[in-house]
N, C-alpha and C. Protein backbone atom coordinates (compact mmCIF):
# COMPACT_ATOMS: atom_id res chain seq x y z
N MET A 1 -0.47 6.88 -1.58
CA MET A 1 -1.55 6.11 -2.19
C MET A 1 -2.04 5.09 -1.18
N ARG A 2 -3.31 4.93 -1.14
CA ARG A 2 -3.89 3.96 -0.22
C ARG A 2 -3.52 2.54 -0.62
N ARG A 3 -3.44 1.70 0.37
CA ARG A 3 -3.09 0.30 0.14
C ARG A 3 -4.10 -0.39 -0.77
N GLY A 4 -5.37 -0.01 -0.72
CA GLY A 4 -6.40 -0.63 -1.53
C GLY A 4 -6.13 -0.51 -3.02
N ARG A 5 -5.62 0.62 -3.43
CA ARG A 5 -5.31 0.81 -4.85
C ARG A 5 -4.18 -0.10 -5.28
N LEU A 6 -3.17 -0.23 -4.45
CA LEU A 6 -2.07 -1.14 -4.77
C LEU A 6 -2.56 -2.58 -4.78
N SER A 7 -3.45 -2.87 -3.84
CA SER A 7 -4.01 -4.22 -3.77
C SER A 7 -4.80 -4.54 -5.05
N LEU A 8 -5.53 -3.57 -5.57
CA LEU A 8 -6.25 -3.77 -6.83
C LEU A 8 -5.29 -4.01 -7.98
N LEU A 9 -4.22 -3.24 -8.02
CA LEU A 9 -3.22 -3.44 -9.09
C LEU A 9 -2.63 -4.84 -9.01
N GLU A 10 -2.30 -5.29 -7.81
CA GLU A 10 -1.74 -6.63 -7.65
C GLU A 10 -2.73 -7.70 -8.07
N THR A 11 -3.98 -7.51 -7.72
CA THR A 11 -5.02 -8.50 -8.03
C THR A 11 -5.31 -8.55 -9.52
N CYS A 12 -5.07 -7.47 -10.21
CA CYS A 12 -5.36 -7.40 -11.65
C CYS A 12 -4.21 -7.93 -12.52
N GLN A 13 -3.29 -8.67 -11.94
CA GLN A 13 -2.22 -9.26 -12.74
C GLN A 13 -2.82 -10.17 -13.81
N GLU A 14 -3.96 -10.77 -13.49
CA GLU A 14 -4.71 -11.58 -14.46
C GLU A 14 -6.03 -10.87 -14.71
N ARG A 15 -6.66 -11.14 -15.83
CA ARG A 15 -7.97 -10.54 -16.12
C ARG A 15 -8.97 -11.02 -15.08
N THR A 16 -9.61 -10.06 -14.42
CA THR A 16 -10.44 -10.36 -13.27
C THR A 16 -11.75 -9.58 -13.32
N HIS A 17 -12.86 -10.22 -12.96
CA HIS A 17 -14.14 -9.53 -12.85
C HIS A 17 -14.17 -8.67 -11.60
N LYS A 18 -15.03 -7.66 -11.63
CA LYS A 18 -15.13 -6.73 -10.50
C LYS A 18 -15.51 -7.46 -9.21
N THR A 19 -16.42 -8.43 -9.29
CA THR A 19 -16.83 -9.17 -8.09
C THR A 19 -15.63 -9.88 -7.46
N ALA A 20 -14.78 -10.47 -8.27
CA ALA A 20 -13.58 -11.14 -7.75
C ALA A 20 -12.64 -10.12 -7.11
N LEU A 21 -12.54 -8.94 -7.69
CA LEU A 21 -11.70 -7.90 -7.11
C LEU A 21 -12.20 -7.52 -5.72
N VAL A 22 -13.52 -7.39 -5.58
CA VAL A 22 -14.10 -7.03 -4.29
C VAL A 22 -13.75 -8.10 -3.25
N TYR A 23 -13.93 -9.36 -3.60
CA TYR A 23 -13.65 -10.43 -2.64
C TYR A 23 -12.16 -10.58 -2.34
N LYS A 24 -11.33 -10.50 -3.35
CA LYS A 24 -9.89 -10.70 -3.15
C LYS A 24 -9.23 -9.57 -2.38
N THR A 25 -9.78 -8.34 -2.50
CA THR A 25 -9.17 -7.20 -1.82
C THR A 25 -9.87 -6.86 -0.51
N SER A 26 -10.97 -7.53 -0.20
CA SER A 26 -11.75 -7.27 1.02
C SER A 26 -12.24 -5.82 1.09
N LEU A 27 -12.56 -5.27 -0.07
CA LEU A 27 -13.13 -3.92 -0.15
C LEU A 27 -14.57 -4.04 -0.61
N ASN A 28 -15.37 -2.97 -0.43
CA ASN A 28 -16.74 -3.04 -0.92
C ASN A 28 -16.83 -2.47 -2.34
N PHE A 29 -17.98 -2.69 -2.98
CA PHE A 29 -18.14 -2.29 -4.38
C PHE A 29 -17.99 -0.78 -4.57
N ARG A 30 -18.49 0.01 -3.63
CA ARG A 30 -18.38 1.47 -3.76
C ARG A 30 -16.92 1.90 -3.80
N ILE A 31 -16.13 1.36 -2.92
CA ILE A 31 -14.71 1.72 -2.88
C ILE A 31 -13.99 1.19 -4.11
N VAL A 32 -14.25 -0.06 -4.49
CA VAL A 32 -13.61 -0.63 -5.67
C VAL A 32 -13.96 0.17 -6.92
N ASN A 33 -15.21 0.59 -7.06
CA ASN A 33 -15.60 1.40 -8.22
C ASN A 33 -14.80 2.69 -8.28
N GLY A 34 -14.65 3.35 -7.14
CA GLY A 34 -13.87 4.59 -7.10
C GLY A 34 -12.41 4.36 -7.44
N TYR A 35 -11.83 3.31 -6.89
CA TYR A 35 -10.43 2.99 -7.17
C TYR A 35 -10.23 2.62 -8.64
N LEU A 36 -11.16 1.84 -9.19
CA LEU A 36 -11.04 1.46 -10.60
C LEU A 36 -11.10 2.69 -11.51
N ASP A 37 -12.01 3.62 -11.19
CA ASP A 37 -12.09 4.86 -11.97
C ASP A 37 -10.77 5.62 -11.92
N TYR A 38 -10.21 5.73 -10.72
CA TYR A 38 -8.94 6.43 -10.54
C TYR A 38 -7.82 5.74 -11.31
N LEU A 39 -7.71 4.42 -11.15
CA LEU A 39 -6.62 3.67 -11.79
C LEU A 39 -6.76 3.65 -13.31
N GLN A 40 -8.00 3.59 -13.81
CA GLN A 40 -8.20 3.66 -15.25
C GLN A 40 -7.85 5.05 -15.76
N GLY A 41 -8.17 6.07 -15.00
CA GLY A 41 -7.82 7.44 -15.38
C GLY A 41 -6.32 7.64 -15.49
N LYS A 42 -5.57 6.95 -14.66
CA LYS A 42 -4.11 7.03 -14.70
C LYS A 42 -3.51 6.15 -15.80
N GLY A 43 -4.34 5.26 -16.36
CA GLY A 43 -3.84 4.35 -17.39
C GLY A 43 -3.17 3.11 -16.83
N TRP A 44 -3.41 2.82 -15.55
CA TRP A 44 -2.75 1.68 -14.90
C TRP A 44 -3.59 0.42 -14.95
N ILE A 45 -4.88 0.57 -15.23
CA ILE A 45 -5.82 -0.55 -15.33
C ILE A 45 -6.59 -0.40 -16.63
N ALA A 46 -6.84 -1.50 -17.30
CA ALA A 46 -7.67 -1.50 -18.50
C ALA A 46 -8.88 -2.41 -18.25
N GLU A 47 -9.96 -2.19 -19.03
CA GLU A 47 -11.18 -2.98 -18.87
C GLU A 47 -11.78 -3.29 -20.22
N SER A 48 -12.26 -4.50 -20.36
CA SER A 48 -12.98 -4.92 -21.55
C SER A 48 -13.88 -6.09 -21.18
N GLU A 49 -15.11 -6.02 -21.63
CA GLU A 49 -16.08 -7.09 -21.40
C GLU A 49 -16.22 -7.45 -19.93
N GLY A 50 -16.15 -6.44 -19.06
CA GLY A 50 -16.35 -6.66 -17.64
C GLY A 50 -15.16 -7.21 -16.89
N LYS A 51 -14.03 -7.35 -17.55
CA LYS A 51 -12.82 -7.83 -16.88
C LYS A 51 -11.77 -6.72 -16.85
N TYR A 52 -11.01 -6.71 -15.77
CA TYR A 52 -9.99 -5.68 -15.55
C TYR A 52 -8.62 -6.34 -15.49
N TRP A 53 -7.61 -5.62 -15.97
CA TRP A 53 -6.24 -6.11 -15.89
C TRP A 53 -5.29 -4.93 -15.81
N ILE A 54 -4.11 -5.20 -15.30
CA ILE A 54 -3.08 -4.16 -15.14
C ILE A 54 -2.38 -3.94 -16.48
N THR A 55 -2.11 -2.69 -16.79
CA THR A 55 -1.41 -2.36 -18.02
C THR A 55 0.11 -2.41 -17.78
N ASP A 56 0.88 -2.30 -18.83
CA ASP A 56 2.34 -2.27 -18.68
C ASP A 56 2.76 -1.08 -17.82
N GLU A 57 2.12 0.06 -18.04
CA GLU A 57 2.43 1.25 -17.23
C GLU A 57 2.06 1.00 -15.76
N GLY A 58 0.95 0.30 -15.54
CA GLY A 58 0.54 -0.04 -14.18
C GLY A 58 1.52 -0.98 -13.51
N LYS A 59 2.07 -1.93 -14.29
CA LYS A 59 3.07 -2.85 -13.74
C LYS A 59 4.32 -2.09 -13.32
N ARG A 60 4.76 -1.14 -14.15
CA ARG A 60 5.94 -0.35 -13.80
C ARG A 60 5.68 0.45 -12.52
N PHE A 61 4.50 1.07 -12.44
CA PHE A 61 4.17 1.84 -11.25
C PHE A 61 4.14 0.95 -10.01
N LEU A 62 3.51 -0.22 -10.12
CA LEU A 62 3.40 -1.14 -8.98
C LEU A 62 4.78 -1.54 -8.48
N GLU A 63 5.69 -1.84 -9.38
CA GLU A 63 7.05 -2.21 -8.98
C GLU A 63 7.74 -1.05 -8.25
N MET A 64 7.59 0.17 -8.78
CA MET A 64 8.19 1.34 -8.12
C MET A 64 7.57 1.56 -6.74
N ALA A 65 6.26 1.42 -6.63
CA ALA A 65 5.57 1.62 -5.35
C ALA A 65 6.04 0.58 -4.32
N LYS A 66 6.17 -0.66 -4.75
CA LYS A 66 6.66 -1.71 -3.84
C LYS A 66 8.07 -1.40 -3.36
N GLU A 67 8.89 -0.89 -4.28
CA GLU A 67 10.27 -0.55 -3.92
C GLU A 67 10.28 0.53 -2.85
N VAL A 68 9.47 1.56 -3.03
CA VAL A 68 9.40 2.65 -2.07
C VAL A 68 8.89 2.14 -0.72
N LEU A 69 7.82 1.33 -0.74
CA LEU A 69 7.26 0.82 0.51
C LEU A 69 8.26 -0.06 1.25
N ASN A 70 9.09 -0.78 0.53
CA ASN A 70 10.10 -1.62 1.18
C ASN A 70 11.18 -0.78 1.86
N GLN A 71 11.34 0.46 1.43
CA GLN A 71 12.34 1.35 2.02
C GLN A 71 11.86 1.96 3.33
N LEU A 72 10.55 1.93 3.59
CA LEU A 72 10.01 2.55 4.80
C LEU A 72 10.22 1.72 6.02
């Protein structure tokens, strides 16, 4: 998985607008839109009223991904 997707998951620990996600992750809107679609499809990110946040399933995945990356 690309680092950008993990970065989005980390940034979504709190409810965050898409513009803030773009600035905090240093990605552009086109890439963020694609990543958000992917992460929402997996059920790792939720959205309501223009704000995004990580789901419980997304938190579990993020912890597992960090564990794996620390092993490399």
